[in-house]
Amino acid sequence: RSLIGYMLHSIKLAAKGRLVADLCFKPE
């Protein structure tokens, strides 16, 4: 029961996408 059933991993944001522009993050 201590094993998490999900996965934590990083993602790459589209440089000109909404996650960068509207959420104010950097492409890198």
mmCIF file of all heavy atoms, coordinates in Angstrom:
data_MODEL
# 
_entry.id   MODEL 
# 
loop_
_atom_site.group_PDB 
_atom_site.id 
_atom_site.type_symbol 
_atom_site.label_atom_id 
_atom_site.label_alt_id 
_atom_site.label_comp_id 
_atom_site.label_asym_id 
_atom_site.label_entity_id 
_atom_site.label_seq_id 
_atom_site.pdbx_PDB_ins_code 
_atom_site.Cartn_x 
_atom_site.Cartn_y 
_atom_site.Cartn_z 
_atom_site.occupancy 
_atom_site.B_iso_or_equiv 
_atom_site.pdbx_formal_charge 
_atom_site.auth_seq_id 
_atom_site.auth_comp_id 
_atom_site.auth_asym_id 
_atom_site.auth_atom_id 
_atom_site.pdbx_PDB_model_num 
ATOM 1   N N   . ARG A 1 1  ? 0.811  -1.226 0.000   1.00 0.00 ? 1  ARG A N   1 
ATOM 2   C CA  . ARG A 1 1  ? 0.000  0.000  0.000   1.00 0.00 ? 1  ARG A CA  1 
ATOM 3   C C   . ARG A 1 1  ? 0.844  1.276  0.000   1.00 0.00 ? 1  ARG A C   1 
ATOM 4   O O   . ARG A 1 1  ? 0.317  2.353  -0.261  1.00 0.00 ? 1  ARG A O   1 
ATOM 5   C CB  . ARG A 1 1  ? -0.958 -0.005 1.196   1.00 0.00 ? 1  ARG A CB  1 
ATOM 6   C CG  . ARG A 1 1  ? -1.973 -1.131 1.120   1.00 0.00 ? 1  ARG A CG  1 
ATOM 7   C CD  . ARG A 1 1  ? -3.152 -0.938 2.059   1.00 0.00 ? 1  ARG A CD  1 
ATOM 8   N NE  . ARG A 1 1  ? -4.082 -2.055 1.958   1.00 0.00 ? 1  ARG A NE  1 
ATOM 9   C CZ  . ARG A 1 1  ? -5.003 -2.186 1.003   1.00 0.00 ? 1  ARG A CZ  1 
ATOM 10  N NH1 . ARG A 1 1  ? -5.088 -1.274 0.056   1.00 0.00 ? 1  ARG A NH1 1 
ATOM 11  N NH2 . ARG A 1 1  ? -5.824 -3.224 0.988   1.00 0.00 ? 1  ARG A NH2 1 
ATOM 12  N N   . SER A 1 2  ? 2.121  1.156  0.283   1.00 0.00 ? 2  SER A N   1 
ATOM 13  C CA  . SER A 1 2  ? 2.961  2.356  0.257   1.00 0.00 ? 2  SER A CA  1 
ATOM 14  C C   . SER A 1 2  ? 3.435  2.683  -1.162  1.00 0.00 ? 2  SER A C   1 
ATOM 15  O O   . SER A 1 2  ? 3.943  3.772  -1.416  1.00 0.00 ? 2  SER A O   1 
ATOM 16  C CB  . SER A 1 2  ? 4.167  2.195  1.182   1.00 0.00 ? 2  SER A CB  1 
ATOM 17  O OG  . SER A 1 2  ? 4.989  1.133  0.742   1.00 0.00 ? 2  SER A OG  1 
ATOM 18  N N   . LEU A 1 3  ? 3.281  1.735  -2.113  1.00 0.00 ? 3  LEU A N   1 
ATOM 19  C CA  . LEU A 1 3  ? 3.658  1.990  -3.508  1.00 0.00 ? 3  LEU A CA  1 
ATOM 20  C C   . LEU A 1 3  ? 2.636  2.915  -4.151  1.00 0.00 ? 3  LEU A C   1 
ATOM 21  O O   . LEU A 1 3  ? 1.434  2.619  -4.149  1.00 0.00 ? 3  LEU A O   1 
ATOM 22  C CB  . LEU A 1 3  ? 3.707  0.683  -4.303  1.00 0.00 ? 3  LEU A CB  1 
ATOM 23  C CG  . LEU A 1 3  ? 5.016  -0.083 -4.345  1.00 0.00 ? 3  LEU A CG  1 
ATOM 24  C CD1 . LEU A 1 3  ? 4.806  -1.397 -5.098  1.00 0.00 ? 3  LEU A CD1 1 
ATOM 25  C CD2 . LEU A 1 3  ? 6.120  0.723  -5.008  1.00 0.00 ? 3  LEU A CD2 1 
ATOM 26  N N   . ILE A 1 4  ? 3.082  4.005  -4.717  1.00 0.00 ? 4  ILE A N   1 
ATOM 27  C CA  . ILE A 1 4  ? 2.172  4.938  -5.369  1.00 0.00 ? 4  ILE A CA  1 
ATOM 28  C C   . ILE A 1 4  ? 1.726  4.332  -6.708  1.00 0.00 ? 4  ILE A C   1 
ATOM 29  O O   . ILE A 1 4  ? 2.546  3.771  -7.444  1.00 0.00 ? 4  ILE A O   1 
ATOM 30  C CB  . ILE A 1 4  ? 2.844  6.315  -5.545  1.00 0.00 ? 4  ILE A CB  1 
ATOM 31  C CG1 . ILE A 1 4  ? 1.812  7.395  -5.815  1.00 0.00 ? 4  ILE A CG1 1 
ATOM 32  C CG2 . ILE A 1 4  ? 3.913  6.308  -6.621  1.00 0.00 ? 4  ILE A CG2 1 
ATOM 33  C CD1 . ILE A 1 4  ? 2.367  8.808  -5.653  1.00 0.00 ? 4  ILE A CD1 1 
ATOM 34  N N   . GLY A 1 5  ? 0.451  4.404  -6.998  1.00 0.00 ? 5  GLY A N   1 
ATOM 35  C CA  . GLY A 1 5  ? -0.053 3.804  -8.234  1.00 0.00 ? 5  GLY A CA  1 
ATOM 36  C C   . GLY A 1 5  ? 0.108  4.696  -9.441  1.00 0.00 ? 5  GLY A C   1 
ATOM 37  O O   . GLY A 1 5  ? -0.241 4.313  -10.556 1.00 0.00 ? 5  GLY A O   1 
ATOM 38  N N   . TYR A 1 6  ? 0.625  5.883  -9.223  1.00 0.00 ? 6  TYR A N   1 
ATOM 39  C CA  . TYR A 1 6  ? 0.761  6.873  -10.285 1.00 0.00 ? 6  TYR A CA  1 
ATOM 40  C C   . TYR A 1 6  ? 2.245  7.122  -10.546 1.00 0.00 ? 6  TYR A C   1 
ATOM 41  O O   . TYR A 1 6  ? 3.094  6.529  -9.908  1.00 0.00 ? 6  TYR A O   1 
ATOM 42  C CB  . TYR A 1 6  ? 0.046  8.168  -9.877  1.00 0.00 ? 6  TYR A CB  1 
ATOM 43  C CG  . TYR A 1 6  ? -1.349 7.911  -9.381  1.00 0.00 ? 6  TYR A CG  1 
ATOM 44  C CD1 . TYR A 1 6  ? -1.635 7.886  -8.014  1.00 0.00 ? 6  TYR A CD1 1 
ATOM 45  C CD2 . TYR A 1 6  ? -2.375 7.647  -10.280 1.00 0.00 ? 6  TYR A CD2 1 
ATOM 46  C CE1 . TYR A 1 6  ? -2.914 7.623  -7.559  1.00 0.00 ? 6  TYR A CE1 1 
ATOM 47  C CE2 . TYR A 1 6  ? -3.663 7.381  -9.827  1.00 0.00 ? 6  TYR A CE2 1 
ATOM 48  C CZ  . TYR A 1 6  ? -3.930 7.371  -8.471  1.00 0.00 ? 6  TYR A CZ  1 
ATOM 49  O OH  . TYR A 1 6  ? -5.186 7.101  -8.032  1.00 0.00 ? 6  TYR A OH  1 
ATOM 50  N N   . MET A 1 7  ? 2.531  8.008  -11.479 1.00 0.00 ? 7  MET A N   1 
ATOM 51  C CA  . MET A 1 7  ? 3.931  8.284  -11.803 1.00 0.00 ? 7  MET A CA  1 
ATOM 52  C C   . MET A 1 7  ? 4.194  9.777  -11.770 1.00 0.00 ? 7  MET A C   1 
ATOM 53  O O   . MET A 1 7  ? 3.406  10.558 -12.285 1.00 0.00 ? 7  MET A O   1 
ATOM 54  C CB  . MET A 1 7  ? 4.259  7.731  -13.199 1.00 0.00 ? 7  MET A CB  1 
ATOM 55  C CG  . MET A 1 7  ? 5.747  7.690  -13.474 1.00 0.00 ? 7  MET A CG  1 
ATOM 56  S SD  . MET A 1 7  ? 6.606  6.677  -12.239 1.00 0.00 ? 7  MET A SD  1 
ATOM 57  C CE  . MET A 1 7  ? 8.081  7.631  -11.994 1.00 0.00 ? 7  MET A CE  1 
ATOM 58  N N   . LEU A 1 8  ? 5.294  10.157 -11.153 1.00 0.00 ? 8  LEU A N   1 
ATOM 59  C CA  . LEU A 1 8  ? 5.767  11.530 -11.192 1.00 0.00 ? 8  LEU A CA  1 
ATOM 60  C C   . LEU A 1 8  ? 6.861  11.622 -12.247 1.00 0.00 ? 8  LEU A C   1 
ATOM 61  O O   . LEU A 1 8  ? 7.861  10.922 -12.164 1.00 0.00 ? 8  LEU A O   1 
ATOM 62  C CB  . LEU A 1 8  ? 6.322  11.936 -9.822  1.00 0.00 ? 8  LEU A CB  1 
ATOM 63  C CG  . LEU A 1 8  ? 5.260  12.220 -8.747  1.00 0.00 ? 8  LEU A CG  1 
ATOM 64  C CD1 . LEU A 1 8  ? 5.853  12.054 -7.362  1.00 0.00 ? 8  LEU A CD1 1 
ATOM 65  C CD2 . LEU A 1 8  ? 4.708  13.629 -8.929  1.00 0.00 ? 8  LEU A CD2 1 
ATOM 66  N N   . HIS A 1 9  ? 6.620  12.432 -13.257 1.00 0.00 ? 9  HIS A N   1 
ATOM 67  C CA  . HIS A 1 9  ? 7.661  12.633 -14.283 1.00 0.00 ? 9  HIS A CA  1 
ATOM 68  C C   . HIS A 1 9  ? 7.527  14.037 -14.857 1.00 0.00 ? 9  HIS A C   1 
ATOM 69  O O   . HIS A 1 9  ? 6.474  14.669 -14.759 1.00 0.00 ? 9  HIS A O   1 
ATOM 70  C CB  . HIS A 1 9  ? 7.570  11.577 -15.390 1.00 0.00 ? 9  HIS A CB  1 
ATOM 71  C CG  . HIS A 1 9  ? 6.300  11.635 -16.196 1.00 0.00 ? 9  HIS A CG  1 
ATOM 72  N ND1 . HIS A 1 9  ? 6.188  12.376 -17.346 1.00 0.00 ? 9  HIS A ND1 1 
ATOM 73  C CD2 . HIS A 1 9  ? 5.108  11.020 -16.013 1.00 0.00 ? 9  HIS A CD2 1 
ATOM 74  C CE1 . HIS A 1 9  ? 4.966  12.233 -17.848 1.00 0.00 ? 9  HIS A CE1 1 
ATOM 75  N NE2 . HIS A 1 9  ? 4.286  11.414 -17.058 1.00 0.00 ? 9  HIS A NE2 1 
ATOM 76  N N   . SER A 1 10 ? 8.593  14.531 -15.445 1.00 0.00 ? 10 SER A N   1 
ATOM 77  C CA  . SER A 1 10 ? 8.575  15.886 -15.977 1.00 0.00 ? 10 SER A CA  1 
ATOM 78  C C   . SER A 1 10 ? 8.133  15.895 -17.435 1.00 0.00 ? 10 SER A C   1 
ATOM 79  O O   . SER A 1 10 ? 8.187  14.884 -18.132 1.00 0.00 ? 10 SER A O   1 
ATOM 80  C CB  . SER A 1 10 ? 9.934  16.559 -15.801 1.00 0.00 ? 10 SER A CB  1 
ATOM 81  O OG  . SER A 1 10 ? 10.963 15.723 -16.281 1.00 0.00 ? 10 SER A OG  1 
ATOM 82  N N   . ILE A 1 11 ? 7.658  17.062 -17.868 1.00 0.00 ? 11 ILE A N   1 
ATOM 83  C CA  . ILE A 1 11 ? 7.172  17.228 -19.238 1.00 0.00 ? 11 ILE A CA  1 
ATOM 84  C C   . ILE A 1 11 ? 7.842  18.433 -19.882 1.00 0.00 ? 11 ILE A C   1 
ATOM 85  O O   . ILE A 1 11 ? 8.433  19.277 -19.201 1.00 0.00 ? 11 ILE A O   1 
ATOM 86  C CB  . ILE A 1 11 ? 5.632  17.406 -19.273 1.00 0.00 ? 11 ILE A CB  1 
ATOM 87  C CG1 . ILE A 1 11 ? 5.204  18.644 -18.457 1.00 0.00 ? 11 ILE A CG1 1 
ATOM 88  C CG2 . ILE A 1 11 ? 4.935  16.145 -18.751 1.00 0.00 ? 11 ILE A CG2 1 
ATOM 89  C CD1 . ILE A 1 11 ? 3.721  18.981 -18.600 1.00 0.00 ? 11 ILE A CD1 1 
ATOM 90  N N   . LYS A 1 12 ? 7.729  18.500 -21.204 1.00 0.00 ? 12 LYS A N   1 
ATOM 91  C CA  . LYS A 1 12 ? 8.323  19.600 -21.973 1.00 0.00 ? 12 LYS A CA  1 
ATOM 92  C C   . LYS A 1 12 ? 7.193  20.469 -22.522 1.00 0.00 ? 12 LYS A C   1 
ATOM 93  O O   . LYS A 1 12 ? 6.290  19.960 -23.194 1.00 0.00 ? 12 LYS A O   1 
ATOM 94  C CB  . LYS A 1 12 ? 9.178  19.029 -23.110 1.00 0.00 ? 12 LYS A CB  1 
ATOM 95  C CG  . LYS A 1 12 ? 9.996  20.054 -23.865 1.00 0.00 ? 12 LYS A CG  1 
ATOM 96  C CD  . LYS A 1 12 ? 10.947 19.355 -24.824 1.00 0.00 ? 12 LYS A CD  1 
ATOM 97  C CE  . LYS A 1 12 ? 11.814 20.352 -25.588 1.00 0.00 ? 12 LYS A CE  1 
ATOM 98  N NZ  . LYS A 1 12 ? 12.580 21.227 -24.692 1.00 0.00 ? 12 LYS A NZ  1 
ATOM 99  N N   . LEU A 1 13 ? 7.231  21.757 -22.232 1.00 0.00 ? 13 LEU A N   1 
ATOM 100 C CA  . LEU A 1 13 ? 6.176  22.672 -22.652 1.00 0.00 ? 13 LEU A CA  1 
ATOM 101 C C   . LEU A 1 13 ? 6.448  23.209 -24.055 1.00 0.00 ? 13 LEU A C   1 
ATOM 102 O O   . LEU A 1 13 ? 7.591  23.513 -24.401 1.00 0.00 ? 13 LEU A O   1 
ATOM 103 C CB  . LEU A 1 13 ? 6.080  23.848 -21.670 1.00 0.00 ? 13 LEU A CB  1 
ATOM 104 C CG  . LEU A 1 13 ? 6.019  23.496 -20.175 1.00 0.00 ? 13 LEU A CG  1 
ATOM 105 C CD1 . LEU A 1 13 ? 5.947  24.765 -19.330 1.00 0.00 ? 13 LEU A CD1 1 
ATOM 106 C CD2 . LEU A 1 13 ? 4.828  22.588 -19.886 1.00 0.00 ? 13 LEU A CD2 1 
ATOM 107 N N   . ALA A 1 14 ? 5.391  23.343 -24.862 1.00 0.00 ? 14 ALA A N   1 
ATOM 108 C CA  . ALA A 1 14 ? 5.527  23.932 -26.196 1.00 0.00 ? 14 ALA A CA  1 
ATOM 109 C C   . ALA A 1 14 ? 5.922  25.399 -26.038 1.00 0.00 ? 14 ALA A C   1 
ATOM 110 O O   . ALA A 1 14 ? 5.285  26.151 -25.288 1.00 0.00 ? 14 ALA A O   1 
ATOM 111 C CB  . ALA A 1 14 ? 4.212  23.811 -26.968 1.00 0.00 ? 14 ALA A CB  1 
ATOM 112 N N   . ALA A 1 15 ? 6.965  25.813 -26.745 1.00 0.00 ? 15 ALA A N   1 
ATOM 113 C CA  . ALA A 1 15 ? 7.560  27.144 -26.538 1.00 0.00 ? 15 ALA A CA  1 
ATOM 114 C C   . ALA A 1 15 ? 6.549  28.271 -26.707 1.00 0.00 ? 15 ALA A C   1 
ATOM 115 O O   . ALA A 1 15 ? 6.571  29.257 -25.967 1.00 0.00 ? 15 ALA A O   1 
ATOM 116 C CB  . ALA A 1 15 ? 8.734  27.336 -27.484 1.00 0.00 ? 15 ALA A CB  1 
ATOM 117 N N   . LYS A 1 16 ? 5.643  28.124 -27.676 1.00 0.00 ? 16 LYS A N   1 
ATOM 118 C CA  . LYS A 1 16 ? 4.673  29.197 -27.931 1.00 0.00 ? 16 LYS A CA  1 
ATOM 119 C C   . LYS A 1 16 ? 3.270  28.799 -27.483 1.00 0.00 ? 16 LYS A C   1 
ATOM 120 O O   . LYS A 1 16 ? 2.278  29.374 -27.932 1.00 0.00 ? 16 LYS A O   1 
ATOM 121 C CB  . LYS A 1 16 ? 4.679  29.562 -29.408 1.00 0.00 ? 16 LYS A CB  1 
ATOM 122 C CG  . LYS A 1 16 ? 6.006  30.157 -29.867 1.00 0.00 ? 16 LYS A CG  1 
ATOM 123 C CD  . LYS A 1 16 ? 5.974  30.574 -31.312 1.00 0.00 ? 16 LYS A CD  1 
ATOM 124 C CE  . LYS A 1 16 ? 7.304  31.202 -31.734 1.00 0.00 ? 16 LYS A CE  1 
ATOM 125 N NZ  . LYS A 1 16 ? 7.335  31.562 -33.164 1.00 0.00 ? 16 LYS A NZ  1 
ATOM 126 N N   . GLY A 1 17 ? 3.196  27.821 -26.580 1.00 0.00 ? 17 GLY A N   1 
ATOM 127 C CA  . GLY A 1 17 ? 1.897  27.316 -26.151 1.00 0.00 ? 17 GLY A CA  1 
ATOM 128 C C   . GLY A 1 17 ? 1.320  28.076 -24.971 1.00 0.00 ? 17 GLY A C   1 
ATOM 129 O O   . GLY A 1 17 ? 1.957  28.935 -24.360 1.00 0.00 ? 17 GLY A O   1 
ATOM 130 N N   . ARG A 1 18 ? 0.091  27.742 -24.644 1.00 0.00 ? 18 ARG A N   1 
ATOM 131 C CA  . ARG A 1 18 ? -0.651 28.422 -23.599 1.00 0.00 ? 18 ARG A CA  1 
ATOM 132 C C   . ARG A 1 18 ? -0.060 28.185 -22.211 1.00 0.00 ? 18 ARG A C   1 
ATOM 133 O O   . ARG A 1 18 ? -0.155 29.036 -21.342 1.00 0.00 ? 18 ARG A O   1 
ATOM 134 C CB  . ARG A 1 18 ? -2.092 27.912 -23.632 1.00 0.00 ? 18 ARG A CB  1 
ATOM 135 C CG  . ARG A 1 18 ? -3.069 28.834 -23.050 1.00 0.00 ? 18 ARG A CG  1 
ATOM 136 C CD  . ARG A 1 18 ? -4.151 29.310 -23.991 1.00 0.00 ? 18 ARG A CD  1 
ATOM 137 N NE  . ARG A 1 18 ? -3.899 29.287 -25.383 1.00 0.00 ? 18 ARG A NE  1 
ATOM 138 C CZ  . ARG A 1 18 ? -4.734 28.751 -26.277 1.00 0.00 ? 18 ARG A CZ  1 
ATOM 139 N NH1 . ARG A 1 18 ? -5.810 28.142 -25.889 1.00 0.00 ? 18 ARG A NH1 1 
ATOM 140 N NH2 . ARG A 1 18 ? -4.474 28.830 -27.557 1.00 0.00 ? 18 ARG A NH2 1 
ATOM 141 N N   . LEU A 1 19 ? 0.548  27.001 -21.994 1.00 0.00 ? 19 LEU A N   1 
ATOM 142 C CA  . LEU A 1 19 ? 1.123  26.708 -20.672 1.00 0.00 ? 19 LEU A CA  1 
ATOM 143 C C   . LEU A 1 19 ? 2.312  27.613 -20.386 1.00 0.00 ? 19 LEU A C   1 
ATOM 144 O O   . LEU A 1 19 ? 2.641  27.872 -19.236 1.00 0.00 ? 19 LEU A O   1 
ATOM 145 C CB  . LEU A 1 19 ? 1.536  25.240 -20.593 1.00 0.00 ? 19 LEU A CB  1 
ATOM 146 C CG  . LEU A 1 19 ? 0.382  24.231 -20.697 1.00 0.00 ? 19 LEU A CG  1 
ATOM 147 C CD1 . LEU A 1 19 ? 0.924  22.810 -20.819 1.00 0.00 ? 19 LEU A CD1 1 
ATOM 148 C CD2 . LEU A 1 19 ? -0.559 24.344 -19.512 1.00 0.00 ? 19 LEU A CD2 1 
ATOM 149 N N   . VAL A 1 20 ? 2.943  28.104 -21.429 1.00 0.00 ? 20 VAL A N   1 
ATOM 150 C CA  . VAL A 1 20 ? 4.027  29.081 -21.275 1.00 0.00 ? 20 VAL A CA  1 
ATOM 151 C C   . VAL A 1 20 ? 3.454  30.494 -21.218 1.00 0.00 ? 20 VAL A C   1 
ATOM 152 O O   . VAL A 1 20 ? 3.705  31.255 -20.276 1.00 0.00 ? 20 VAL A O   1 
ATOM 153 C CB  . VAL A 1 20 ? 5.054  28.954 -22.430 1.00 0.00 ? 20 VAL A CB  1 
ATOM 154 C CG1 . VAL A 1 20 ? 6.019  30.136 -22.425 1.00 0.00 ? 20 VAL A CG1 1 
ATOM 155 C CG2 . VAL A 1 20 ? 5.822  27.640 -22.304 1.00 0.00 ? 20 VAL A CG2 1 
ATOM 156 N N   . ALA A 1 21 ? 2.625  30.843 -22.209 1.00 0.00 ? 21 ALA A N   1 
ATOM 157 C CA  . ALA A 1 21 ? 2.151  32.225 -22.332 1.00 0.00 ? 21 ALA A CA  1 
ATOM 158 C C   . ALA A 1 21 ? 1.162  32.615 -21.238 1.00 0.00 ? 21 ALA A C   1 
ATOM 159 O O   . ALA A 1 21 ? 1.331  33.643 -20.568 1.00 0.00 ? 21 ALA A O   1 
ATOM 160 C CB  . ALA A 1 21 ? 1.508  32.418 -23.707 1.00 0.00 ? 21 ALA A CB  1 
ATOM 161 N N   . ASP A 1 22 ? 0.125  31.806 -21.027 1.00 0.00 ? 22 ASP A N   1 
ATOM 162 C CA  . ASP A 1 22 ? -0.944 32.195 -20.096 1.00 0.00 ? 22 ASP A CA  1 
ATOM 163 C C   . ASP A 1 22 ? -0.615 31.848 -18.649 1.00 0.00 ? 22 ASP A C   1 
ATOM 164 O O   . ASP A 1 22 ? -1.078 32.513 -17.726 1.00 0.00 ? 22 ASP A O   1 
ATOM 165 C CB  . ASP A 1 22 ? -2.267 31.527 -20.490 1.00 0.00 ? 22 ASP A CB  1 
ATOM 166 C CG  . ASP A 1 22 ? -2.839 32.099 -21.779 1.00 0.00 ? 22 ASP A CG  1 
ATOM 167 O OD1 . ASP A 1 22 ? -2.121 32.874 -22.442 1.00 0.00 ? 22 ASP A OD1 1 
ATOM 168 O OD2 . ASP A 1 22 ? -3.983 31.769 -22.132 1.00 0.00 ? 22 ASP A OD2 1 
ATOM 169 N N   . LEU A 1 23 ? 0.169  30.785 -18.436 1.00 0.00 ? 23 LEU A N   1 
ATOM 170 C CA  . LEU A 1 23 ? 0.513  30.403 -17.067 1.00 0.00 ? 23 LEU A CA  1 
ATOM 171 C C   . LEU A 1 23 ? 1.848  30.994 -16.618 1.00 0.00 ? 23 LEU A C   1 
ATOM 172 O O   . LEU A 1 23 ? 2.271  30.805 -15.475 1.00 0.00 ? 23 LEU A O   1 
ATOM 173 C CB  . LEU A 1 23 ? 0.551  28.870 -16.926 1.00 0.00 ? 23 LEU A CB  1 
ATOM 174 C CG  . LEU A 1 23 ? -0.789 28.206 -16.591 1.00 0.00 ? 23 LEU A CG  1 
ATOM 175 C CD1 . LEU A 1 23 ? -1.790 28.374 -17.722 1.00 0.00 ? 23 LEU A CD1 1 
ATOM 176 C CD2 . LEU A 1 23 ? -0.603 26.733 -16.293 1.00 0.00 ? 23 LEU A CD2 1 
ATOM 177 N N   . CYS A 1 24 ? 2.504  31.715 -17.553 1.00 0.00 ? 24 CYS A N   1 
ATOM 178 C CA  . CYS A 1 24 ? 3.724  32.469 -17.228 1.00 0.00 ? 24 CYS A CA  1 
ATOM 179 C C   . CYS A 1 24 ? 4.887  31.567 -16.811 1.00 0.00 ? 24 CYS A C   1 
ATOM 180 O O   . CYS A 1 24 ? 5.573  31.831 -15.809 1.00 0.00 ? 24 CYS A O   1 
ATOM 181 C CB  . CYS A 1 24 ? 3.452  33.524 -16.158 1.00 0.00 ? 24 CYS A CB  1 
ATOM 182 S SG  . CYS A 1 24 ? 2.178  34.705 -16.639 1.00 0.00 ? 24 CYS A SG  1 
ATOM 183 N N   . PHE A 1 25 ? 5.100  30.484 -17.564 1.00 0.00 ? 25 PHE A N   1 
ATOM 184 C CA  . PHE A 1 25 ? 6.292  29.664 -17.360 1.00 0.00 ? 25 PHE A CA  1 
ATOM 185 C C   . PHE A 1 25 ? 7.241  29.850 -18.543 1.00 0.00 ? 25 PHE A C   1 
ATOM 186 O O   . PHE A 1 25 ? 6.894  30.480 -19.534 1.00 0.00 ? 25 PHE A O   1 
ATOM 187 C CB  . PHE A 1 25 ? 5.902  28.190 -17.163 1.00 0.00 ? 25 PHE A CB  1 
ATOM 188 C CG  . PHE A 1 25 ? 5.244  27.949 -15.842 1.00 0.00 ? 25 PHE A CG  1 
ATOM 189 C CD1 . PHE A 1 25 ? 3.866  27.962 -15.729 1.00 0.00 ? 25 PHE A CD1 1 
ATOM 190 C CD2 . PHE A 1 25 ? 6.005  27.749 -14.696 1.00 0.00 ? 25 PHE A CD2 1 
ATOM 191 C CE1 . PHE A 1 25 ? 3.243  27.786 -14.497 1.00 0.00 ? 25 PHE A CE1 1 
ATOM 192 C CE2 . PHE A 1 25 ? 5.402  27.572 -13.460 1.00 0.00 ? 25 PHE A CE2 1 
ATOM 193 C CZ  . PHE A 1 25 ? 4.020  27.592 -13.361 1.00 0.00 ? 25 PHE A CZ  1 
ATOM 194 N N   . LYS A 1 26 ? 8.441  29.325 -18.404 1.00 0.00 ? 26 LYS A N   1 
ATOM 195 C CA  . LYS A 1 26 ? 9.440  29.474 -19.447 1.00 0.00 ? 26 LYS A CA  1 
ATOM 196 C C   . LYS A 1 26 ? 9.494  28.200 -20.300 1.00 0.00 ? 26 LYS A C   1 
ATOM 197 O O   . LYS A 1 26 ? 9.260  27.103 -19.773 1.00 0.00 ? 26 LYS A O   1 
ATOM 198 C CB  . LYS A 1 26 ? 10.819 29.749 -18.832 1.00 0.00 ? 26 LYS A CB  1 
ATOM 199 C CG  . LYS A 1 26 ? 10.869 31.025 -17.999 1.00 0.00 ? 26 LYS A CG  1 
ATOM 200 C CD  . LYS A 1 26 ? 12.292 31.423 -17.654 1.00 0.00 ? 26 LYS A CD  1 
ATOM 201 C CE  . LYS A 1 26 ? 12.930 30.504 -16.613 1.00 0.00 ? 26 LYS A CE  1 
ATOM 202 N NZ  . LYS A 1 26 ? 12.358 30.656 -15.278 1.00 0.00 ? 26 LYS A NZ  1 
ATOM 203 N N   . PRO A 1 27 ? 9.837  28.307 -21.584 1.00 0.00 ? 27 PRO A N   1 
ATOM 204 C CA  . PRO A 1 27 ? 9.896  27.109 -22.434 1.00 0.00 ? 27 PRO A CA  1 
ATOM 205 C C   . PRO A 1 27 ? 10.876 26.060 -21.915 1.00 0.00 ? 27 PRO A C   1 
ATOM 206 O O   . PRO A 1 27 ? 10.678 24.866 -22.130 1.00 0.00 ? 27 PRO A O   1 
ATOM 207 C CB  . PRO A 1 27 ? 10.350 27.656 -23.792 1.00 0.00 ? 27 PRO A CB  1 
ATOM 208 C CG  . PRO A 1 27 ? 9.982  29.100 -23.782 1.00 0.00 ? 27 PRO A CG  1 
ATOM 209 C CD  . PRO A 1 27 ? 10.091 29.539 -22.349 1.00 0.00 ? 27 PRO A CD  1 
ATOM 210 N N   . GLU A 1 28 ? 11.905 26.501 -21.192 1.00 0.00 ? 28 GLU A N   1 
ATOM 211 C CA  . GLU A 1 28 ? 12.893 25.537 -20.689 1.00 0.00 ? 28 GLU A CA  1 
ATOM 212 C C   . GLU A 1 28 ? 12.460 24.886 -19.366 1.00 0.00 ? 28 GLU A C   1 
ATOM 213 O O   . GLU A 1 28 ? 13.120 23.962 -18.882 1.00 0.00 ? 28 GLU A O   1 
ATOM 214 C CB  . GLU A 1 28 ? 14.273 26.199 -20.540 1.00 0.00 ? 28 GLU A CB  1 
ATOM 215 C CG  . GLU A 1 28 ? 14.314 27.393 -19.612 1.00 0.00 ? 28 GLU A CG  1 
ATOM 216 C CD  . GLU A 1 28 ? 14.070 28.723 -20.330 1.00 0.00 ? 28 GLU A CD  1 
ATOM 217 O OE1 . GLU A 1 28 ? 13.418 28.730 -21.406 1.00 0.00 ? 28 GLU A OE1 1 
ATOM 218 O OE2 . GLU A 1 28 ? 14.533 29.756 -19.815 1.00 0.00 ? 28 GLU A OE2 1 
# 
